[in-house]
N, C-alpha and C. Protein backbone atom coordinates (compact mmCIF):
# COMPACT_ATOMS: atom_id res chain seq x y z
N UNK A 1 25.80 -110.31 308.06
CA UNK A 1 26.97 -110.91 307.17
C UNK A 1 26.78 -109.89 305.82
N UNK A 2 27.65 -109.79 305.20
CA UNK A 2 28.10 -109.24 303.90
C UNK A 2 28.23 -109.98 302.98
N UNK A 3 27.25 -110.22 301.83
CA UNK A 3 27.54 -111.08 300.65
C UNK A 3 27.89 -110.41 299.60
N UNK A 4 29.25 -110.64 299.25
CA UNK A 4 29.94 -110.28 298.39
C UNK A 4 30.16 -110.70 296.69
N UNK A 5 30.56 -111.74 297.03
CA UNK A 5 30.75 -112.57 296.08
C UNK A 5 29.16 -112.98 295.10
N UNK A 6 29.08 -113.36 294.04
CA UNK A 6 28.03 -113.99 293.44
C UNK A 6 28.50 -115.07 292.09
N UNK A 7 27.84 -116.09 292.22
CA UNK A 7 27.93 -116.85 291.41
C UNK A 7 26.86 -117.73 290.26
N UNK A 8 27.09 -117.84 289.20
CA UNK A 8 26.09 -117.97 288.46
C UNK A 8 26.26 -119.63 287.95
N UNK A 9 25.21 -120.20 288.31
CA UNK A 9 25.33 -122.22 288.06
C UNK A 9 25.35 -122.40 286.70
N UNK A 10 26.36 -122.77 286.10
CA UNK A 10 26.54 -123.10 285.07
C UNK A 10 26.56 -124.63 284.61
N UNK A 11 26.46 -124.84 283.50
CA UNK A 11 26.22 -126.56 283.37
C UNK A 11 27.67 -127.16 283.90
N UNK A 12 28.58 -126.97 284.13
CA UNK A 12 29.68 -127.69 284.12
C UNK A 12 30.11 -127.30 285.83
N UNK A 13 29.41 -127.05 286.37
CA UNK A 13 29.20 -126.90 287.80
C UNK A 13 27.91 -127.90 288.42
N UNK A 14 27.38 -128.70 287.62
CA UNK A 14 26.38 -129.77 288.38
C UNK A 14 27.09 -130.97 288.49
N UNK A 15 26.19 -131.87 289.26
CA UNK A 15 26.59 -132.95 289.64
C UNK A 15 25.61 -134.05 288.54
N UNK A 16 25.51 -135.32 288.89
CA UNK A 16 24.50 -136.28 288.33
C UNK A 16 23.24 -136.14 288.23
N UNK A 17 22.71 -135.35 289.36
CA UNK A 17 21.66 -135.01 289.44
C UNK A 17 21.11 -133.70 288.80
N UNK A 18 21.33 -133.45 288.47
CA UNK A 18 21.11 -131.91 287.68
C UNK A 18 21.60 -130.66 288.85
N UNK A 19 21.93 -130.82 289.74
CA UNK A 19 22.09 -129.91 291.07
C UNK A 19 23.40 -129.54 291.15
N UNK A 20 23.89 -128.22 291.90
CA UNK A 20 24.95 -127.87 291.87
C UNK A 20 25.79 -128.91 292.57
N UNK A 21 27.11 -128.91 292.25
CA UNK A 21 27.54 -130.17 293.02
C UNK A 21 28.68 -129.44 294.19
N UNK A 22 28.55 -130.01 295.44
CA UNK A 22 29.04 -129.54 296.70
C UNK A 22 30.49 -129.26 296.50
N UNK A 23 31.35 -130.41 295.34
CA UNK A 23 32.72 -129.92 295.31
C UNK A 23 33.13 -128.40 294.78
N UNK A 24 31.75 -128.29 293.92
CA UNK A 24 32.31 -126.85 293.14
C UNK A 24 32.07 -125.57 293.98
N UNK A 25 31.09 -125.92 294.84
CA UNK A 25 30.63 -124.57 295.82
C UNK A 25 31.39 -124.76 296.99
N UNK A 26 32.37 -125.74 297.58
CA UNK A 26 33.12 -125.74 298.47
C UNK A 26 34.39 -124.98 298.28
N UNK A 27 34.97 -125.30 296.68
CA UNK A 27 36.08 -124.50 295.86
C UNK A 27 36.13 -123.05 296.16
N UNK A 28 34.44 -122.83 295.87
CA UNK A 28 34.15 -121.22 295.76
C UNK A 28 34.37 -120.90 297.13
N UNK A 29 33.67 -121.19 297.99
CA UNK A 29 33.76 -120.60 299.48
C UNK A 29 35.05 -120.42 299.96
N UNK A 30 36.07 -122.07 299.78
CA UNK A 30 37.24 -122.01 300.19
C UNK A 30 37.82 -120.58 299.61
N UNK A 31 37.90 -120.35 298.39
CA UNK A 31 38.69 -118.82 297.60
C UNK A 31 38.12 -117.91 298.35
N UNK A 32 36.92 -117.74 298.59
CA UNK A 32 36.22 -116.37 299.11
C UNK A 32 36.43 -115.92 300.43
N UNK A 33 36.73 -117.28 301.13
CA UNK A 33 37.11 -117.03 302.33
C UNK A 33 38.33 -116.52 302.45
N UNK A 34 39.12 -117.34 301.94
CA UNK A 34 40.99 -116.80 301.70
C UNK A 34 40.98 -115.38 301.59
N UNK A 35 40.50 -114.97 300.42
CA UNK A 35 40.40 -113.54 300.28
C UNK A 35 39.69 -112.61 301.16
N UNK A 36 38.64 -113.21 301.96
CA UNK A 36 38.39 -112.19 303.16
C UNK A 36 39.25 -112.41 304.28
N UNK A 37 39.65 -113.14 304.35
CA UNK A 37 40.56 -113.45 305.46
C UNK A 37 42.06 -112.90 305.41
N UNK A 38 42.66 -112.38 304.01
CA UNK A 38 43.77 -111.96 303.67
C UNK A 38 43.39 -110.58 303.59
N UNK A 39 42.26 -110.41 303.34
CA UNK A 39 41.70 -108.55 303.47
C UNK A 39 41.73 -108.25 304.62
N UNK A 40 41.23 -108.93 306.05
CA UNK A 40 40.81 -108.87 307.15
C UNK A 40 42.45 -108.93 307.89
N UNK A 41 43.33 -109.22 307.24
CA UNK A 41 44.36 -109.89 308.06
C UNK A 41 45.97 -109.11 307.68
N UNK A 42 45.43 -108.47 306.25
CA UNK A 42 46.30 -107.78 305.49
C UNK A 42 47.52 -108.37 305.53
N UNK A 43 47.51 -109.99 305.07
CA UNK A 43 48.51 -110.64 304.61
C UNK A 43 47.92 -111.46 303.58
N UNK A 44 49.03 -112.02 302.60
CA UNK A 44 48.54 -112.79 301.60
C UNK A 44 48.81 -114.10 302.04
N UNK A 45 49.61 -114.52 303.08
CA UNK A 45 49.94 -115.52 303.60
C UNK A 45 48.93 -115.87 304.40
N UNK A 46 47.58 -116.69 303.93
CA UNK A 46 46.78 -117.30 304.65
C UNK A 46 46.23 -118.73 304.42
N UNK A 47 46.12 -119.39 305.43
CA UNK A 47 46.00 -120.78 305.36
C UNK A 47 44.75 -121.32 305.61
N UNK A 48 43.98 -122.37 304.83
CA UNK A 48 42.58 -122.63 305.39
C UNK A 48 43.26 -124.13 306.56
N UNK A 49 42.51 -123.61 308.15
CA UNK A 49 43.35 -124.85 308.77
C UNK A 49 41.79 -125.66 309.42
N UNK A 50 40.80 -124.81 309.13
CA UNK A 50 39.72 -126.10 309.69
C UNK A 50 38.63 -125.27 309.09
N UNK A 51 37.86 -126.35 308.76
CA UNK A 51 36.18 -126.15 308.65
C UNK A 51 35.56 -127.01 309.20
N UNK A 52 34.02 -126.50 309.99
CA UNK A 52 33.31 -127.01 310.87
C UNK A 52 32.74 -128.03 309.94
N UNK A 53 31.48 -128.42 310.23
CA UNK A 53 30.65 -129.20 309.95
C UNK A 53 29.84 -128.26 308.79
N UNK A 54 29.42 -129.20 307.55
CA UNK A 54 29.16 -128.34 306.31
C UNK A 54 27.56 -128.86 306.44
N UNK A 55 27.01 -127.94 306.59
CA UNK A 55 25.24 -128.01 306.32
C UNK A 55 24.44 -127.44 304.95
N UNK A 56 24.73 -128.71 303.97
CA UNK A 56 23.83 -128.11 302.90
C UNK A 56 22.18 -128.44 302.96
N UNK A 57 21.97 -127.20 303.01
CA UNK A 57 20.26 -127.11 303.11
C UNK A 57 19.09 -127.48 302.03
N UNK A 58 20.05 -126.52 301.21
CA UNK A 58 18.92 -127.36 299.94
C UNK A 58 20.00 -126.98 298.75
N UNK A 59 19.12 -126.87 297.77
CA UNK A 59 19.89 -127.25 296.49
C UNK A 59 20.13 -125.99 295.65
N UNK A 60 20.96 -125.81 294.36
CA UNK A 60 20.90 -124.69 293.81
C UNK A 60 20.66 -125.66 292.40
N UNK A 61 20.38 -124.91 291.22
CA UNK A 61 19.95 -125.81 289.63
C UNK A 61 20.35 -124.83 288.45
N UNK A 62 20.91 -125.17 287.47
CA UNK A 62 21.46 -124.54 286.37
C UNK A 62 20.68 -123.31 286.16
N UNK A 63 21.56 -122.20 286.08
CA UNK A 63 20.77 -120.75 285.84
C UNK A 63 20.92 -120.50 287.36
N UNK A 64 20.80 -120.72 288.10
CA UNK A 64 20.51 -120.13 289.40
C UNK A 64 21.38 -118.80 289.91
N UNK A 65 21.36 -118.01 290.31
CA UNK A 65 22.26 -116.89 290.85
C UNK A 65 22.60 -117.22 292.51
N UNK A 66 23.81 -117.57 293.06
CA UNK A 66 23.95 -117.99 294.45
C UNK A 66 25.30 -116.55 294.94
N UNK A 67 24.98 -116.75 296.09
CA UNK A 67 25.65 -115.23 296.70
C UNK A 67 26.07 -115.83 298.18
N UNK A 68 27.35 -115.60 298.00
CA UNK A 68 28.14 -116.11 299.16
C UNK A 68 28.49 -115.18 300.54
N UNK A 69 28.21 -115.46 302.00
CA UNK A 69 28.06 -114.65 302.84
C UNK A 69 29.14 -114.99 303.73
N UNK A 70 30.21 -113.68 303.89
CA UNK A 70 31.12 -114.15 305.17
C UNK A 70 30.77 -113.31 306.13
N UNK A 71 31.45 -113.49 307.09
CA UNK A 71 31.61 -112.94 308.31
C UNK A 71 32.65 -113.20 309.27
N UNK A 72 33.37 -112.10 310.00
CA UNK A 72 34.26 -112.81 311.17
C UNK A 72 33.72 -112.93 312.75
N UNK A 73 33.98 -114.01 313.04
CA UNK A 73 33.17 -113.96 314.15
C UNK A 73 34.40 -113.79 315.20
N UNK A 74 35.96 -114.39 315.05
CA UNK A 74 36.46 -114.44 316.44
C UNK A 74 37.78 -114.58 315.76
N UNK A 75 38.89 -113.29 316.57
CA UNK A 75 40.21 -113.15 316.03
C UNK A 75 40.85 -113.73 317.03
N UNK A 76 41.75 -114.87 316.89
CA UNK A 76 43.07 -115.29 317.97
C UNK A 76 44.34 -114.61 317.37
N UNK A 77 45.03 -115.04 318.08
CA UNK A 77 46.33 -114.48 318.30
C UNK A 77 46.66 -114.38 316.51
N UNK A 78 47.23 -115.58 315.94
CA UNK A 78 47.08 -115.76 314.79
C UNK A 78 46.12 -116.05 313.55
N UNK A 79 45.03 -116.14 314.11
CA UNK A 79 43.86 -116.91 313.43
C UNK A 79 42.71 -115.99 313.33
N UNK A 80 42.03 -116.47 312.26
CA UNK A 80 40.53 -115.69 312.03
C UNK A 80 39.48 -116.86 312.26
N UNK A 81 38.32 -116.45 312.75
CA UNK A 81 37.26 -117.50 312.48
C UNK A 81 36.52 -116.75 311.56
N UNK A 82 35.85 -117.44 310.49
CA UNK A 82 34.53 -116.54 309.92
C UNK A 82 33.80 -117.82 309.54
N UNK A 83 32.36 -117.12 309.34
CA UNK A 83 31.14 -118.19 309.56
C UNK A 83 30.68 -117.71 308.13
N UNK A 84 30.14 -118.67 307.39
CA UNK A 84 29.84 -118.57 305.66
C UNK A 84 28.31 -119.23 306.07
N UNK A 85 27.70 -118.22 304.74
CA UNK A 85 26.42 -118.98 304.19
C UNK A 85 26.22 -118.62 303.34
N UNK A 86 25.53 -119.48 302.22
CA UNK A 86 25.62 -119.27 300.55
C UNK A 86 24.00 -119.38 300.69
N UNK A 87 23.17 -118.59 299.78
CA UNK A 87 22.17 -118.30 299.53
C UNK A 87 21.68 -118.06 298.01
N UNK A 88 20.57 -118.60 297.68
CA UNK A 88 20.02 -118.08 296.03
C UNK A 88 19.67 -116.36 295.99
N UNK A 89 20.42 -115.91 295.53
CA UNK A 89 20.25 -114.66 295.16
C UNK A 89 18.87 -113.66 295.05
N UNK A 90 17.87 -114.54 294.38
CA UNK A 90 16.47 -114.43 294.03
C UNK A 90 15.54 -114.79 295.20
N UNK A 91 15.48 -115.50 295.94
CA UNK A 91 15.01 -115.92 296.94
C UNK A 91 15.10 -115.82 298.04
N UNK A 92 16.33 -115.78 298.32
CA UNK A 92 17.29 -115.61 299.50
C UNK A 92 17.09 -116.68 300.33
N UNK A 93 17.00 -118.03 299.63
CA UNK A 93 16.55 -119.66 300.27
C UNK A 93 18.46 -119.92 300.46
N UNK A 94 18.43 -120.53 301.81
CA UNK A 94 19.78 -120.86 302.03
C UNK A 94 20.45 -122.02 301.48
N UNK A 95 20.71 -122.18 301.18
CA UNK A 95 21.74 -123.00 300.50
C UNK A 95 22.90 -124.27 301.25
N UNK A 96 23.66 -123.30 301.95
CA UNK A 96 24.38 -123.87 302.63
C UNK A 96 24.79 -123.31 304.15
N UNK A 97 25.70 -123.66 305.02
CA UNK A 97 25.75 -122.87 305.98
C UNK A 97 26.94 -123.77 306.67
N UNK A 98 28.16 -122.83 307.11
CA UNK A 98 29.24 -123.48 307.81
C UNK A 98 29.34 -122.53 309.11
N UNK A 99 29.85 -122.86 310.12
CA UNK A 99 29.31 -122.40 311.59
C UNK A 99 30.88 -121.66 311.43
N UNK A 100 32.04 -122.51 311.19
CA UNK A 100 33.73 -121.76 311.33
C UNK A 100 34.51 -122.00 310.13
N UNK A 101 35.63 -121.44 309.97
CA UNK A 101 36.11 -121.65 308.86
C UNK A 101 37.40 -121.07 309.46
N UNK A 102 38.47 -121.40 309.80
CA UNK A 102 39.44 -120.78 310.65
C UNK A 102 40.91 -121.09 309.69
N UNK A 103 41.36 -119.66 309.22
CA UNK A 103 42.37 -119.47 308.83
C UNK A 103 43.62 -118.95 309.47
N UNK A 104 44.89 -119.04 309.35
CA UNK A 104 46.11 -118.96 309.88
C UNK A 104 46.92 -117.92 309.35
N UNK A 105 47.09 -117.26 309.64
CA UNK A 105 48.14 -116.12 309.11
C UNK A 105 49.69 -116.34 309.42
N UNK A 106 50.48 -116.52 308.26
CA UNK A 106 51.75 -116.99 308.21
C UNK A 106 52.87 -115.89 308.19
N UNK A 107 53.90 -116.10 308.46
CA UNK A 107 54.84 -115.32 307.81
C UNK A 107 55.68 -116.01 306.66
N UNK A 108 57.09 -115.23 306.45
CA UNK A 108 57.44 -115.53 304.96
C UNK A 108 58.23 -117.03 305.27
N UNK A 109 58.26 -117.82 306.42
CA UNK A 109 58.92 -118.86 306.38
C UNK A 109 57.64 -120.14 306.53
N UNK A 110 56.31 -119.83 306.30
CA UNK A 110 55.37 -120.56 306.51
C UNK A 110 54.85 -120.87 308.19
N UNK A 111 55.51 -120.17 309.11
CA UNK A 111 55.12 -120.63 310.62
C UNK A 111 53.90 -119.69 310.90
N UNK A 112 53.05 -119.73 311.85
CA UNK A 112 52.04 -118.90 312.40
C UNK A 112 52.52 -117.48 312.66
N UNK A 113 51.56 -116.75 312.55
CA UNK A 113 52.48 -115.09 313.02
C UNK A 113 51.49 -114.61 313.21
N UNK A 114 51.88 -113.72 314.33
CA UNK A 114 50.60 -113.01 315.05
C UNK A 114 50.06 -111.77 314.41
N UNK A 115 48.61 -111.62 314.09
CA UNK A 115 48.57 -110.52 312.93
C UNK A 115 47.94 -108.95 313.83
N UNK A 116 48.08 -109.33 314.89
CA UNK A 116 47.49 -107.81 315.82
C UNK A 116 46.27 -107.49 315.94
N UNK A 117 45.40 -108.18 314.96
CA UNK A 117 43.94 -107.42 314.67
C UNK A 117 42.97 -108.13 315.46
N UNK A 118 41.98 -107.29 316.22
CA UNK A 118 40.91 -107.70 317.03
C UNK A 118 39.65 -107.59 316.65
N UNK A 119 38.78 -106.97 315.40
CA UNK A 119 37.93 -106.21 315.20
C UNK A 119 37.73 -106.77 313.44
N UNK A 120 36.44 -106.40 312.90
CA UNK A 120 36.48 -106.54 311.30
C UNK A 120 37.28 -104.93 311.27
N UNK A 121 37.65 -104.97 310.34
CA UNK A 121 37.69 -103.51 309.41
C UNK A 121 37.74 -103.72 308.04
N UNK A 122 36.96 -102.70 307.74
CA UNK A 122 36.91 -102.71 305.95
C UNK A 122 37.49 -101.37 305.41
N UNK A 123 38.09 -101.84 304.09
CA UNK A 123 39.26 -101.11 303.05
C UNK A 123 38.79 -99.91 303.64
N UNK A 124 37.44 -99.41 303.50
CA UNK A 124 36.79 -97.85 303.28
C UNK A 124 37.82 -97.05 304.45
N UNK A 125 37.55 -97.92 305.72
CA UNK A 125 37.95 -97.24 306.98
C UNK A 125 39.12 -97.18 307.48
N UNK A 126 40.05 -98.40 306.72
CA UNK A 126 41.45 -98.27 306.72
C UNK A 126 41.94 -97.20 305.87
N UNK A 127 41.66 -96.84 304.59
CA UNK A 127 42.14 -95.86 303.63
C UNK A 127 41.84 -94.60 304.34
N UNK A 128 40.80 -94.48 305.06
CA UNK A 128 40.37 -92.81 305.45
C UNK A 128 41.23 -93.02 306.87
N UNK A 129 41.69 -94.11 307.84
CA UNK A 129 42.51 -93.89 308.61
C UNK A 129 43.79 -93.41 308.29
N UNK A 130 44.35 -93.88 307.33
CA UNK A 130 45.73 -93.72 306.73
C UNK A 130 46.12 -92.15 305.88
N UNK A 131 44.65 -91.59 305.73
CA UNK A 131 44.57 -90.11 305.12
C UNK A 131 44.69 -88.79 306.16
């Protein structure tokens, strides 16, 4: 699993218990997963279709550095399924796990569009392939 994004838990990210508000974390995850899907499918018109059970394993507190990990697990005709793990950067303690986040690739009319992808492709490999 690749951990690309790090977030610093700040006062505005906290809930009434002084821990990271789940809604803030889910917003960060949805944005990061969308960016991951857009890069993998080479289409900026990707939308979240489904998020499976969200397992909050532990909490984060103000000042913690957390990191979001994403990995593609399945390529459908017009969809991409991603798994997500969020962990504390310093001690690697798992904060949250989501088994499935499904994104759908859309055409310019907002309809599902086949993307033609079958495996994870890294930007560096894509750039090297074009040269």
